[in-house]
């Protein structure tokens, strides 16, 4: 998957910037995946250009979330995106 994921953290909040190719229904599945990771979406913005989409997402890190670093969050989000891609049959 050619996703570029950038995460910055401040206490119990994180900002995610995810750049990847546009695909149908990916955003709703991504939000569901974030919720399963115990990341509550506070703000979400989508910018598109040609075949690419930039998701700018602010999340609150909920109690019970086992991720403590920006790298752990980025890795978990990448796993969610890989699962969505496999489920949809995209390579």
Protein backbone atom coordinates (compact mmCIF):
# COMPACT_ATOMS: atom_id res chain seq x y z
CA UNK A 1 0.00 0.00 0.00
CA UNK A 2 1.30 3.42 -0.90
CA UNK A 3 -0.01 5.38 2.08
CA UNK A 4 1.88 8.23 3.64
CA UNK A 5 0.90 8.49 7.32
CA UNK A 6 2.07 11.28 9.61
CA UNK A 7 1.05 11.44 13.27
CA UNK A 8 1.71 14.17 15.84
CA UNK A 9 0.64 13.86 19.47
CA UNK A 10 -0.13 16.22 22.33
CA UNK A 11 -1.19 14.54 25.60
CA UNK A 12 -4.46 12.69 24.88
CA UNK A 13 -4.92 13.99 21.34
CA UNK A 14 -3.30 13.10 18.02
CA UNK A 15 -3.40 14.62 14.57
CA UNK A 16 -3.19 12.24 11.63
CA UNK A 17 -2.42 13.15 8.04
CA UNK A 18 -2.98 10.27 5.65
CA UNK A 19 -2.23 10.61 1.94
CA UNK A 20 -3.29 7.81 -0.35
CA UNK A 21 -5.15 6.92 -3.53
CA UNK A 22 -8.91 7.54 -3.45
CA UNK A 23 -11.12 4.46 -3.05
CA UNK A 24 -14.90 4.18 -2.55
CA UNK A 25 -16.17 3.78 1.03
CA UNK A 26 -12.65 3.85 2.50
CA UNK A 27 -13.34 6.84 4.76
CA UNK A 28 -16.27 5.29 6.62
CA UNK A 29 -14.29 2.08 7.14
CA UNK A 30 -11.28 4.07 8.31
CA UNK A 31 -13.38 5.92 10.91
CA UNK A 32 -14.74 2.57 12.15
CA UNK A 33 -11.19 1.22 12.37
CA UNK A 34 -10.07 4.25 14.38
CA UNK A 35 -12.95 3.72 16.80
CA UNK A 36 -11.91 0.07 17.28
CA UNK A 37 -8.42 1.35 18.16
CA UNK A 38 -10.04 3.55 20.85
CA UNK A 39 -9.36 6.73 18.87
CA UNK A 40 -12.39 9.02 18.77
CA UNK A 41 -12.59 11.32 15.75
CA UNK A 42 -12.90 14.95 16.87
CA UNK A 43 -12.36 16.65 13.51
CA UNK A 44 -11.99 15.35 9.98
CA UNK A 45 -11.12 17.06 6.72
CA UNK A 46 -10.71 15.49 3.28
CA UNK A 47 -8.87 17.16 0.42
CA UNK A 48 -8.76 15.51 -2.99
CA UNK A 49 -6.67 16.13 -6.07
CA UNK A 50 -6.77 13.90 -9.13
CA UNK A 51 -6.59 10.31 -7.81
CA UNK A 52 -5.26 11.20 -4.36
CA UNK A 53 -6.98 11.98 -1.06
CA UNK A 54 -5.50 13.68 2.00
CA UNK A 55 -7.32 12.82 5.23
CA UNK A 56 -6.55 15.25 8.07
CA UNK A 57 -7.99 13.72 11.22
CA UNK A 58 -7.85 14.91 14.83
CA UNK A 59 -8.53 12.18 17.37
CA UNK A 60 -8.88 11.88 21.12
CA UNK A 61 -6.99 8.94 22.58
CA UNK A 62 -9.50 7.15 24.80
CA UNK A 63 -8.85 5.31 28.03
CA UNK A 64 -7.93 1.71 27.25
CA UNK A 65 -5.98 2.62 24.11
CA UNK A 66 -2.70 0.72 24.21
CA UNK A 67 -0.81 3.04 21.85
CA UNK A 68 1.50 5.52 23.54
CA UNK A 69 3.57 6.96 20.69
CA UNK A 70 2.97 8.57 17.30
CA UNK A 71 4.79 5.64 15.65
CA UNK A 72 2.49 3.10 17.32
CA UNK A 73 -0.58 5.00 16.14
CA UNK A 74 0.80 5.31 12.59
CA UNK A 75 1.57 1.58 12.49
CA UNK A 76 -1.91 0.67 13.76
CA UNK A 77 -3.60 3.00 11.25
CA UNK A 78 -1.54 1.43 8.46
CA UNK A 79 -2.77 -2.01 9.57
CA UNK A 80 -6.38 -0.75 9.48
CA UNK A 81 -5.83 0.59 5.95
CA UNK A 82 -4.25 -2.69 4.84
CA UNK A 83 -7.27 -4.57 6.19
CA UNK A 84 -9.64 -2.26 4.30
CA UNK A 85 -7.61 -2.75 1.12
CA UNK A 86 -7.62 -6.54 1.44
CA UNK A 87 -11.34 -6.61 2.21
CA UNK A 88 -12.05 -4.52 -0.91
CA UNK A 89 -9.74 -6.61 -3.08
CA UNK A 90 -7.47 -3.69 -4.04
CA UNK A 91 -3.76 -4.24 -4.44
